[in-house]
Amino acid sequence: MDKFDNQEIFEDEDFYDDENALDDIKEKVEEAKKDIAEKSAEIAEKVADKREEVHDKVASAREELMAKFAEDSADLKETFNEYRNSVKIDIESNRKGFNVQDQYKDKYMLQGDLAEEGYDWWWHSFTGYNRKTGEPQQFFIEYYLMNPALGGSDVVYGQLLENLEAGIRPSYMMVKAGAVGKKCVQIHRFFPWAEVNVDEGVPFEVSAGDCSCSENRIVGSVKLTKKEAKEHPEYMCDGGTMSWDLYIEKQIAFNVGLATDKVARDLNKYEMAWHAEGIKSAYGGIVKLGKEEYIVRPDDCYGYADKNWGSSYTTPWIWLASNDIVSRISGKRLENTAFVIGGGRPVVAGVDIEGQLLGALWYEGHPYEFNFSKPITLPKTQFRVVEGKNKVTWKIIQQTPKTKVYTSIECLKSEMLNNNYETPNGDIIHNKLWLGGTGKGYVKIYEREAEGLKLEWKLLDYLEVNSCGCEYGE
C-alpha cells in the first residue's frame, strides 16, 4: 500500500490543534503557579519565624555569655589589679634592663609558711677609712630575721645542744656585723621576737634595742667578749665590738623580674629568693670597730645592699659584686658601672636547677643580664670556683646569643672569714662559707658582630675590678 493512501484520514485527525486540550493545559499551569506562590509564601513565613527564633536564642546566649564574663571579670579583678603593678614593673624593666628599683621586694617577707620556717635578711657592705691613718677597711652589716611564729620572750638558739637534741627550731632577730680585709671579725647580737618591731609596709623598717634598719638608714651596735663567744658556740661568732650610724642611697638595682614579683612571693617556691636594690649604693657616716673610728664617704665607699629570703640556702653558694671599676682600655674610672653575680644551685618548687647563676652588669648605662628565669633571652652560664691553699678564685662565663661577659676574681684567704649561718630548721649546710670584700680581678665584655659572612666576638671593654665582695661555700 502506498504510504500516502491514508493521507486524507491522517489529515482529518486533529493532533495539533485541539483547543480543549490546550485550554486544559493552560488551566493546570495557572493552578501550579498559584500553588507555588502559596507554598513560597508559606516557606518564607516559616523561614522568617525560624530566623526570629534563632535570633532570640543567639541573643539569649550572648546575654548569658556576657553575664558570665562579667561575673568572671569581677572575680578576677582583684587578682588582676594586684598583678598589674608587677606587669608594669616588668615592662619598665624591659625598657631599662634590670635596673628597676622596687621597694615592695625590699619589704618584710615572713608571712605564711615562712613565718614558721623562713628567714629574711638585709645585707650591707662598704668600705670605710681609718680616721687617723686613712687606711681602707671593708665592713658588712646584716639584719637577719628568722621564724617569727616560733618566737617569744626568749631567743631560741638553733645550735644550742639541748635544742638540737629536741629538734627545736631557731627563732630570733640577729644583727651580724664585722669586717673583712686587714681585720677579719664577725660579731652576732640576738634579740627575742618579743623585743622586735617590724613595719611590714613599704618602705620597711625593723628594729630591736638600739639597732634599726630601713631603706635609707642603718643604726646599731654589737658587743661580745672573746670569752663569751668561746663559751657559747650557739652564737656562731667571734668576740669584739662594733657600732655604726649610716645613711644609704641605693643607686643601681638588680631586679630579677617576675621570679620575685608578688605572685612568686606569695607561692614561696624559691628556697632562696634574692633582690638587690643597690648593687651600687652610697653610704655616709661613722663606724667604730673596737677602739678605731672609720669615716664612710659616699663617693668612695663602693657600697652594696641587697636582701634574701626563703626557707634554706643554695649550695654551692656563689656571690660576687663590685662597683670599684676602671676601664683598662680608656683608663677612666667608671662611675656608672656595677656588677653582681649570685646563685649556684637554686631550688624551685623542690626541684634543683643545677649550675645556674644570675648575673647583671650595668655598664655606663647599658644593661647586660644573664637570668635563667628569663629563658627567652637564651642565657648560658659556665663557672668554676677553686679553693686553693692561700686564695679562692672565681672564673665565670655568661652569655646570650648577642653578648658575653667573662669574670675572673680572686681573694686572699687571709683577708676572708667563714660566714656563719644556720637554716630555719637549725641545720648548718656549709662546711665553710668564705666571705671577702677585697677581691681583685677583671671583667671582659664581648658583643657579637658580623665579620664578612661570619659572626665574631668583639671585645667591647676590659674592666679592672677592686673592692669585690665575694662568697663561696658548699
Protein backbone atom coordinates (compact mmCIF):
# COMPACT_ATOMS: atom_id res chain seq x y z
CA MET A 1 0.00 0.00 0.00
CA ASP A 2 1.22 3.42 -0.87
CA LYS A 3 2.19 5.26 2.25
CA PHE A 4 0.07 8.17 1.21
CA ASP A 5 -3.07 6.15 0.61
CA ASN A 6 -4.42 7.18 4.07
CA GLN A 7 -3.26 10.77 3.82
CA GLU A 8 -6.78 12.10 3.94
CA ILE A 9 -7.62 10.12 7.00
CA PHE A 10 -4.36 11.31 8.56
CA GLU A 11 -5.18 14.90 7.84
CA ASP A 12 -8.68 14.53 9.23
CA GLU A 13 -7.24 13.57 12.64
CA ASP A 14 -6.54 16.83 14.69
CA PHE A 15 -3.40 16.03 16.66
CA TYR A 16 -2.04 19.64 16.93
CA ASP A 17 -4.94 21.98 17.18
CA ASP A 18 -7.17 20.57 19.84
CA GLU A 19 -8.40 23.76 21.59
CA ASN A 20 -9.95 21.89 24.53
CA ALA A 21 -6.68 20.19 25.39
CA LEU A 22 -4.77 23.47 25.17
CA ASP A 23 -7.16 25.26 27.48
CA ASP A 24 -6.87 22.39 29.95
CA ILE A 25 -3.10 22.66 29.95
CA LYS A 26 -3.21 26.42 30.49
CA GLU A 27 -5.55 25.98 33.43
CA LYS A 28 -3.28 23.45 35.06
CA VAL A 29 -0.28 25.72 34.60
CA GLU A 30 -2.08 28.59 36.29
CA GLU A 31 -3.10 26.35 39.18
CA ALA A 32 0.50 25.20 39.55
CA LYS A 33 1.73 28.79 39.61
CA LYS A 34 -0.79 29.69 42.27
CA ASP A 35 0.15 26.66 44.33
CA ILE A 36 3.85 27.50 44.05
CA ALA A 37 3.16 31.07 45.11
CA GLU A 38 1.21 29.88 48.16
CA LYS A 39 3.94 27.38 49.04
CA SER A 40 6.62 30.06 48.64
CA ALA A 41 4.72 32.40 50.94
CA GLU A 42 4.31 29.61 53.47
CA ILE A 43 8.02 28.73 53.30
CA ALA A 44 9.02 32.38 53.58
CA GLU A 45 6.83 32.73 56.67
CA LYS A 46 8.38 29.63 58.24
CA VAL A 47 11.90 30.87 57.42
CA ALA A 48 11.09 34.22 58.98
CA ASP A 49 9.75 32.51 62.09
CA LYS A 50 12.82 30.28 62.31
CA ARG A 51 15.17 33.24 61.77
CA GLU A 52 13.49 35.12 64.61
CA GLU A 53 13.71 32.04 66.82
CA VAL A 54 17.41 31.63 66.09
CA HIS A 55 17.99 35.35 66.63
CA ASP A 56 16.29 35.13 70.03
CA LYS A 57 18.41 32.12 71.01
CA VAL A 58 21.63 33.83 69.88
CA ALA A 59 20.70 37.00 71.75
CA SER A 60 19.91 34.97 74.87
CA ALA A 61 23.18 33.04 74.62
CA ARG A 62 25.09 36.30 74.15
CA GLU A 63 23.46 37.76 77.24
CA GLU A 64 24.33 34.65 79.26
CA LEU A 65 27.91 34.73 77.96
CA MET A 66 28.32 38.42 78.76
CA ALA A 67 26.83 37.89 82.21
CA LYS A 68 29.25 35.00 82.84
CA PHE A 69 32.13 37.10 81.53
CA ALA A 70 31.13 39.97 83.81
CA GLU A 71 30.93 37.57 86.75
CA ASP A 72 34.34 36.05 85.97
CA SER A 73 35.79 39.53 85.43
CA ALA A 74 34.54 40.62 88.83
CA ASP A 75 36.15 37.54 90.40
CA LEU A 76 39.43 38.23 88.62
CA LYS A 77 39.50 41.97 89.09
CA GLU A 78 41.23 41.95 92.46
CA THR A 79 43.88 39.49 91.30
CA PHE A 80 44.37 41.44 88.08
CA ASN A 81 44.84 44.72 89.95
CA GLU A 82 47.44 43.10 92.18
CA TYR A 83 49.23 41.62 89.20
CA ARG A 84 49.05 44.77 87.08
CA ASN A 85 51.73 46.55 89.11
CA SER A 86 54.06 43.59 88.61
CA VAL A 87 53.45 43.69 84.87
CA LYS A 88 54.08 47.44 84.75
CA ILE A 89 57.35 46.97 86.61
CA ASP A 90 58.33 44.15 84.28
CA ILE A 91 57.56 46.30 81.22
CA GLU A 92 59.65 49.09 82.70
CA SER A 93 62.36 46.54 83.35
CA ASN A 94 62.38 45.58 79.68
CA ARG A 95 62.93 49.25 78.85
CA LYS A 96 65.65 49.86 81.41
CA GLY A 97 67.02 46.37 81.68
CA PHE A 98 67.30 45.03 85.22
CA ASN A 99 67.98 48.43 86.83
CA VAL A 100 64.48 48.91 88.26
CA GLN A 101 64.21 49.61 91.97
CA ASP A 102 61.22 48.06 93.72
CA GLN A 103 60.77 48.63 97.44
CA TYR A 104 57.97 46.04 97.51
CA LYS A 105 60.73 43.44 97.07
CA ASP A 106 62.68 45.01 99.93
CA LYS A 107 59.80 44.66 102.38
CA TYR A 108 59.41 42.15 105.22
CA MET A 109 58.60 38.71 103.76
CA LEU A 110 57.95 36.36 106.68
CA GLN A 111 54.27 35.59 106.18
CA GLY A 112 52.52 32.30 105.50
CA ASP A 113 54.75 29.23 105.65
CA LEU A 114 57.85 31.39 106.03
CA ALA A 115 56.63 32.62 109.43
CA GLU A 116 57.33 29.15 110.85
CA GLU A 117 60.12 28.04 108.54
CA GLY A 118 61.75 31.04 106.95
CA TYR A 119 64.38 33.76 107.12
CA ASP A 120 64.56 37.31 105.81
CA TRP A 121 67.71 39.43 105.81
CA TRP A 122 69.02 42.80 104.64
CA TRP A 123 72.74 42.84 103.79
CA HIS A 124 75.02 45.89 103.59
CA SER A 125 78.72 46.04 102.69
CA PHE A 126 81.01 49.00 102.08
CA THR A 127 84.47 50.50 102.62
CA GLY A 128 85.39 52.91 105.41
CA TYR A 129 88.62 54.80 106.05
CA ASN A 130 90.51 54.95 109.33
CA ARG A 131 90.13 58.46 110.74
CA LYS A 132 93.78 58.54 111.88
CA THR A 133 95.67 56.63 109.18
CA GLY A 134 93.33 56.85 106.19
CA GLU A 135 93.70 53.10 105.56
CA PRO A 136 90.68 51.41 103.95
CA GLN A 137 88.69 48.75 105.76
CA GLN A 138 85.81 46.67 104.37
CA PHE A 139 82.73 46.24 106.57
CA PHE A 140 79.49 44.28 106.49
CA ILE A 141 76.27 44.73 108.48
CA GLU A 142 73.26 42.44 108.28
CA TYR A 143 69.81 42.42 109.91
CA TYR A 144 68.60 38.82 109.96
CA LEU A 145 65.11 37.66 110.99
CA MET A 146 64.11 34.00 111.46
CA ASN A 147 60.95 32.00 112.26
CA PRO A 148 58.87 34.73 113.96
CA ALA A 149 55.91 32.41 114.65
CA LEU A 150 58.13 30.23 116.86
CA GLY A 151 59.45 33.09 118.96
CA GLY A 152 58.52 34.70 122.24
CA SER A 153 60.22 36.39 125.17
CA ASP A 154 63.44 34.36 124.81
CA VAL A 155 65.90 33.85 121.98
CA VAL A 156 65.70 30.31 120.59
CA TYR A 157 69.21 29.28 119.53
CA GLY A 158 69.25 26.56 116.91
CA GLN A 159 72.80 25.41 117.74
CA LEU A 160 72.16 25.09 121.46
CA LEU A 161 72.77 21.40 122.22
CA GLU A 162 69.50 20.85 124.07
CA ASN A 163 67.55 22.41 121.18
CA LEU A 164 69.40 20.32 118.61
CA GLU A 165 68.62 17.14 120.55
CA ALA A 166 64.96 18.10 120.93
CA GLY A 167 64.56 19.22 117.32
CA ILE A 168 63.60 22.77 118.36
CA ARG A 169 63.98 25.24 115.51
CA PRO A 170 65.69 28.63 115.97
CA SER A 171 63.79 31.91 116.31
CA TYR A 172 65.27 35.38 116.71
CA MET A 173 66.40 38.63 115.16
CA MET A 174 70.15 38.54 114.68
CA VAL A 175 72.31 41.58 113.94
CA LYS A 176 75.53 40.47 112.24
CA ALA A 177 78.35 42.99 111.91
CA GLY A 178 82.03 42.79 111.19
CA ALA A 179 84.94 43.34 108.85
CA VAL A 180 87.00 41.58 106.19
CA GLY A 181 90.34 42.58 104.69
CA LYS A 182 93.07 43.85 107.02
CA LYS A 183 90.89 42.95 110.02
CA CYS A 184 88.52 39.97 109.92
CA VAL A 185 85.79 39.54 112.51
CA GLN A 186 82.07 38.70 112.74
CA ILE A 187 80.01 39.57 115.80
CA HIS A 188 76.40 38.47 116.38
CA ARG A 189 73.79 40.02 118.62
CA PHE A 190 70.46 38.24 119.19
CA PHE A 191 67.04 39.61 120.15
CA PRO A 192 63.90 37.63 121.09
CA TRP A 193 60.84 38.30 118.96
CA ALA A 194 59.10 39.98 121.89
CA GLU A 195 61.63 42.82 121.55
CA VAL A 196 61.46 43.12 117.75
CA ASN A 197 59.44 45.78 115.95
CA VAL A 198 58.62 45.29 112.27
CA ASP A 199 56.92 47.72 109.90
CA GLU A 200 55.54 45.31 107.30
CA GLY A 201 54.64 48.09 104.87
CA VAL A 202 56.60 49.91 102.19
CA PRO A 203 59.13 51.27 102.91
CA PHE A 204 60.07 48.70 105.56
CA GLU A 205 61.70 49.15 108.96
CA VAL A 206 62.91 46.60 111.51
CA SER A 207 64.32 47.44 114.94
CA ALA A 208 65.29 45.96 118.30
CA GLY A 209 67.15 47.66 121.11
CA ASP A 210 69.43 50.33 119.64
CA CYS A 211 69.60 48.51 116.27
CA SER A 212 67.40 49.54 113.34
CA CYS A 213 67.33 49.09 109.60
CA SER A 214 65.30 50.95 106.98
CA GLU A 215 65.54 51.72 103.30
CA ASN A 216 67.87 54.71 103.79
CA ARG A 217 69.48 54.33 107.23
CA ILE A 218 71.10 51.68 109.43
CA VAL A 219 71.99 52.19 113.10
CA GLY A 220 73.24 49.75 115.71
CA SER A 221 75.89 48.13 117.85
CA VAL A 222 77.19 44.67 118.72
CA LYS A 223 79.39 43.69 121.66
CA LEU A 224 80.66 40.32 122.80
CA THR A 225 83.78 39.30 124.68
CA LYS A 226 86.05 36.59 123.30
CA LYS A 227 85.31 34.53 126.40
CA GLU A 228 81.55 34.75 125.84
CA ALA A 229 81.97 33.78 122.19
CA LYS A 230 84.05 30.74 123.16
CA GLU A 231 81.67 29.64 125.92
CA HIS A 232 78.61 29.99 123.64
CA PRO A 233 79.16 28.21 120.30
CA GLU A 234 75.44 28.69 119.62
CA TYR A 235 76.27 32.36 118.97
CA MET A 236 78.31 31.24 115.91
CA CYS A 237 80.67 34.23 116.05
CA ASP A 238 83.78 35.95 117.38
CA GLY A 239 84.21 38.41 120.21
CA GLY A 240 84.51 42.14 119.59
CA THR A 241 82.67 45.44 119.48
CA MET A 242 81.32 47.49 116.60
CA SER A 243 78.84 50.36 116.26
CA TRP A 244 77.57 52.39 113.31
CA ASP A 245 75.24 55.14 112.11
CA LEU A 246 74.99 55.29 108.33
CA TYR A 247 72.76 56.83 105.69
CA ILE A 248 72.21 55.00 102.40
CA GLU A 249 71.35 55.99 98.85
CA LYS A 250 70.71 52.93 96.66
CA GLN A 251 71.67 53.97 93.13
CA ILE A 252 71.74 50.94 90.78
CA ALA A 253 69.45 47.94 91.25
CA PHE A 254 69.38 44.34 90.08
CA ASN A 255 65.71 43.40 89.81
CA VAL A 256 65.48 39.77 88.66
CA GLY A 257 61.92 40.30 87.32
CA LEU A 258 58.78 38.16 87.63
CA ALA A 259 60.65 35.46 89.54
CA THR A 260 60.44 37.65 92.68
CA ASP A 261 57.20 39.54 91.93
CA LYS A 262 54.10 39.25 94.12
CA VAL A 263 52.69 36.06 92.62
CA ALA A 264 56.03 34.26 93.03
CA ARG A 265 56.47 35.69 96.54
CA ASP A 266 53.03 34.51 97.60
CA LEU A 267 53.76 30.98 96.35
CA ASN A 268 57.13 30.87 98.17
CA LYS A 269 58.52 28.45 95.58
CA TYR A 270 62.15 29.58 95.86
CA GLU A 271 64.20 28.21 98.75
CA MET A 272 66.41 31.29 98.46
CA ALA A 273 64.98 34.38 96.76
CA TRP A 274 67.09 37.46 96.01
CA HIS A 275 66.57 41.15 95.31
CA ALA A 276 69.42 43.68 95.08
CA GLU A 277 68.01 47.19 95.48
CA GLY A 278 71.51 48.69 95.47
CA ILE A 279 74.34 46.88 93.65
CA LYS A 280 75.83 50.35 93.77
CA SER A 281 74.94 52.16 97.00
CA ALA A 282 76.34 55.31 98.57
CA TYR A 283 76.88 55.13 102.36
CA GLY A 284 77.79 58.04 104.57
CA GLY A 285 78.53 58.12 108.31
CA ILE A 286 80.69 56.64 111.05
CA VAL A 287 81.72 53.10 112.02
CA LYS A 288 83.63 52.18 115.18
CA LEU A 289 85.41 48.84 115.25
CA GLY A 290 86.99 48.21 118.62
CA LYS A 291 88.81 51.43 119.52
CA GLU A 292 89.24 52.60 115.91
CA GLU A 293 86.89 55.01 114.14
CA TYR A 294 86.25 54.92 110.41
CA ILE A 295 84.77 57.52 108.08
CA VAL A 296 82.42 56.23 105.39
CA ARG A 297 82.16 58.57 102.38
CA PRO A 298 79.54 58.28 99.63
CA ASP A 299 81.97 58.84 96.75
CA ASP A 300 84.46 56.07 97.58
CA CYS A 301 82.67 53.60 99.85
CA TYR A 302 81.89 51.22 96.93
CA GLY A 303 78.74 50.20 98.77
CA TYR A 304 76.37 47.34 98.11
CA ALA A 305 72.90 46.46 99.54
CA ASP A 306 70.60 43.52 98.87
CA LYS A 307 68.26 41.10 100.60
CA ASN A 308 67.49 37.38 100.63
CA TRP A 309 64.55 35.43 101.96
CA GLY A 310 63.37 31.83 101.88
CA SER A 311 63.48 28.53 103.74
CA SER A 312 67.06 27.37 103.06
CA TYR A 313 70.28 28.32 101.25
CA THR A 314 71.78 27.42 97.91
CA THR A 315 74.78 25.12 97.76
CA PRO A 316 77.15 25.83 96.20
CA TRP A 317 76.77 29.44 97.28
CA ILE A 318 78.41 31.96 94.97
CA TRP A 319 78.34 35.76 95.15
CA LEU A 320 80.47 38.46 93.52
CA ALA A 321 79.77 42.21 93.47
CA SER A 322 81.71 45.41 92.85
CA ASN A 323 81.41 48.98 91.63
CA ASP A 324 85.10 49.85 92.16
CA ILE A 325 85.83 49.57 88.43
CA VAL A 326 88.27 51.17 85.96
CA SER A 327 88.46 50.56 82.20
CA ARG A 328 91.84 49.17 81.17
CA ILE A 329 91.17 50.37 77.62
CA SER A 330 90.27 54.01 78.31
CA GLY A 331 91.92 54.32 81.72
CA LYS A 332 88.77 56.01 83.08
CA ARG A 333 87.08 55.22 86.36
CA LEU A 334 83.54 54.07 85.50
CA GLU A 335 81.23 55.88 87.92
CA ASN A 336 78.03 54.46 86.40
CA THR A 337 79.10 50.81 86.34
CA ALA A 338 78.45 47.92 88.73
CA PHE A 339 78.08 44.17 88.51
CA VAL A 340 76.76 41.31 90.61
CA ILE A 341 76.66 37.53 90.18
CA GLY A 342 74.89 35.14 92.54
CA GLY A 343 73.42 31.67 92.89
CA GLY A 344 74.85 28.21 92.42
CA ARG A 345 72.11 25.58 92.62
CA PRO A 346 68.72 27.25 93.06
CA VAL A 347 65.81 25.14 94.22
CA VAL A 348 62.38 25.99 92.77
CA ALA A 349 59.29 24.11 93.99
CA GLY A 350 61.56 21.38 95.35
CA VAL A 351 63.45 20.94 92.06
CA ASP A 352 67.22 21.58 91.91
CA ILE A 353 68.37 23.70 88.95
CA GLU A 354 71.98 22.64 88.59
CA GLY A 355 74.75 25.13 87.81
CA GLN A 356 72.74 28.35 87.47
CA LEU A 357 73.94 31.85 88.31
CA LEU A 358 72.11 35.15 87.99
CA GLY A 359 74.36 37.83 86.54
CA ALA A 360 73.93 41.55 85.92
CA LEU A 361 76.43 44.11 84.64
CA TRP A 362 75.36 47.75 84.43
CA TYR A 363 77.99 49.23 82.12
CA GLU A 364 77.79 53.03 81.93
CA GLY A 365 74.01 52.91 81.49
CA HIS A 366 73.86 49.77 79.34
CA PRO A 367 72.47 46.53 80.87
CA TYR A 368 74.00 43.10 80.36
CA GLU A 369 71.81 40.48 82.05
CA PHE A 370 72.11 36.71 82.29
CA ASN A 371 68.99 35.45 84.01
CA PHE A 372 67.87 31.81 83.88
CA SER A 373 64.36 32.91 84.96
CA LYS A 374 64.09 34.71 81.59
CA PRO A 375 64.66 31.75 79.21
CA ILE A 376 63.55 33.78 76.17
CA THR A 377 66.96 35.53 76.30
CA LEU A 378 68.72 32.13 75.91
CA PRO A 379 71.25 32.66 78.72
CA LYS A 380 74.15 30.25 79.27
CA THR A 381 76.50 30.03 82.25
CA GLN A 382 79.75 28.21 82.97
CA PHE A 383 81.62 28.65 86.24
CA ARG A 384 84.42 27.21 88.28
CA VAL A 385 85.47 28.12 91.80
CA VAL A 386 88.78 26.88 93.16
CA GLU A 387 89.63 26.98 96.85
CA GLY A 388 93.42 26.94 96.94
CA LYS A 389 95.80 26.97 99.87
CA ASN A 390 96.07 30.76 100.04
CA LYS A 391 93.22 32.14 97.94
CA VAL A 392 89.82 31.49 96.41
CA THR A 393 89.38 32.03 92.65
CA TRP A 394 86.15 32.51 90.67
CA LYS A 395 86.03 32.02 86.86
CA ILE A 396 82.62 32.67 85.27
CA ILE A 397 81.45 32.93 81.66
CA GLN A 398 77.90 34.12 80.99
CA GLN A 399 76.44 34.75 77.55
CA THR A 400 73.42 35.18 75.33
CA PRO A 401 73.45 34.90 71.51
CA LYS A 402 74.44 38.58 71.34
CA THR A 403 76.64 39.25 74.40
CA LYS A 404 79.25 37.51 76.55
CA VAL A 405 80.86 38.51 79.84
CA TYR A 406 83.90 36.78 81.31
CA THR A 407 84.56 37.41 85.02
CA SER A 408 87.73 36.43 86.86
CA ILE A 409 88.13 37.31 90.58
CA GLU A 410 90.45 36.11 93.32
CA CYS A 411 90.64 36.91 97.03
CA LEU A 412 93.28 36.04 99.62
CA LYS A 413 92.06 33.71 102.37
CA SER A 414 93.96 35.80 104.91
CA GLU A 415 91.51 38.63 104.12
CA MET A 416 88.39 36.44 104.35
CA LEU A 417 86.38 34.75 107.10
CA ASN A 418 83.92 31.88 107.30
CA ASN A 419 80.46 33.41 107.36
CA ASN A 420 78.23 31.54 109.82
CA TYR A 421 74.50 30.84 109.33
CA GLU A 422 72.02 28.20 110.36
CA THR A 423 68.92 27.33 108.36
CA PRO A 424 65.37 27.79 109.71
CA ASN A 425 65.49 24.07 110.55
CA GLY A 426 68.62 24.58 112.63
CA ASP A 427 70.97 22.92 110.14
CA ILE A 428 74.38 24.21 109.11
CA ILE A 429 74.70 23.14 105.47
CA HIS A 430 78.03 24.77 104.53
CA ASN A 431 81.24 23.39 105.98
CA LYS A 432 82.88 26.67 105.04
CA LEU A 433 81.28 29.78 103.58
CA TRP A 434 84.16 32.04 102.60
CA LEU A 435 83.35 35.77 102.73
CA GLY A 436 85.61 38.53 101.46
CA GLY A 437 85.48 42.17 100.42
CA THR A 438 88.91 42.76 98.87
CA GLY A 439 88.56 40.62 95.76
CA LYS A 440 90.52 41.71 92.68
CA GLY A 441 90.34 40.73 89.04
CA TYR A 442 88.76 41.71 85.77
CA VAL A 443 85.64 41.59 83.65
CA LYS A 444 85.75 41.33 79.85
CA ILE A 445 82.70 42.40 77.84
CA TYR A 446 82.16 40.99 74.35
CA GLU A 447 79.48 41.63 71.73
CA ARG A 448 78.91 39.52 68.62
CA GLU A 449 79.31 41.43 65.36
CA ALA A 450 79.15 40.50 61.67
CA GLU A 451 82.58 39.94 60.15
CA GLY A 452 82.03 39.18 56.48
CA LEU A 453 79.72 36.18 56.40
CA LYS A 454 80.51 35.20 60.00
CA LEU A 455 79.57 36.43 63.48
CA GLU A 456 82.62 37.08 65.63
CA TRP A 457 83.05 38.07 69.29
CA LYS A 458 84.50 41.58 69.60
CA LEU A 459 85.96 42.91 72.87
CA LEU A 460 83.96 45.95 73.98
CA ASP A 461 85.83 46.74 77.20
CA TYR A 462 88.28 45.23 79.67
CA LEU A 463 87.39 46.22 83.23
CA GLU A 464 89.75 46.19 86.20
CA VAL A 465 87.85 45.25 89.38
CA ASN A 466 88.78 46.01 93.01
CA SER A 467 86.94 46.00 96.38
CA CYS A 468 84.95 43.00 95.17
CA GLY A 469 82.56 41.42 97.63
CA CYS A 470 82.82 37.65 97.28
CA GLU A 471 81.42 34.46 98.79
CA TYR A 472 81.83 30.77 98.15
CA GLY A 473 80.71 27.73 100.07
CA GLU A 474 79.49 24.17 99.65
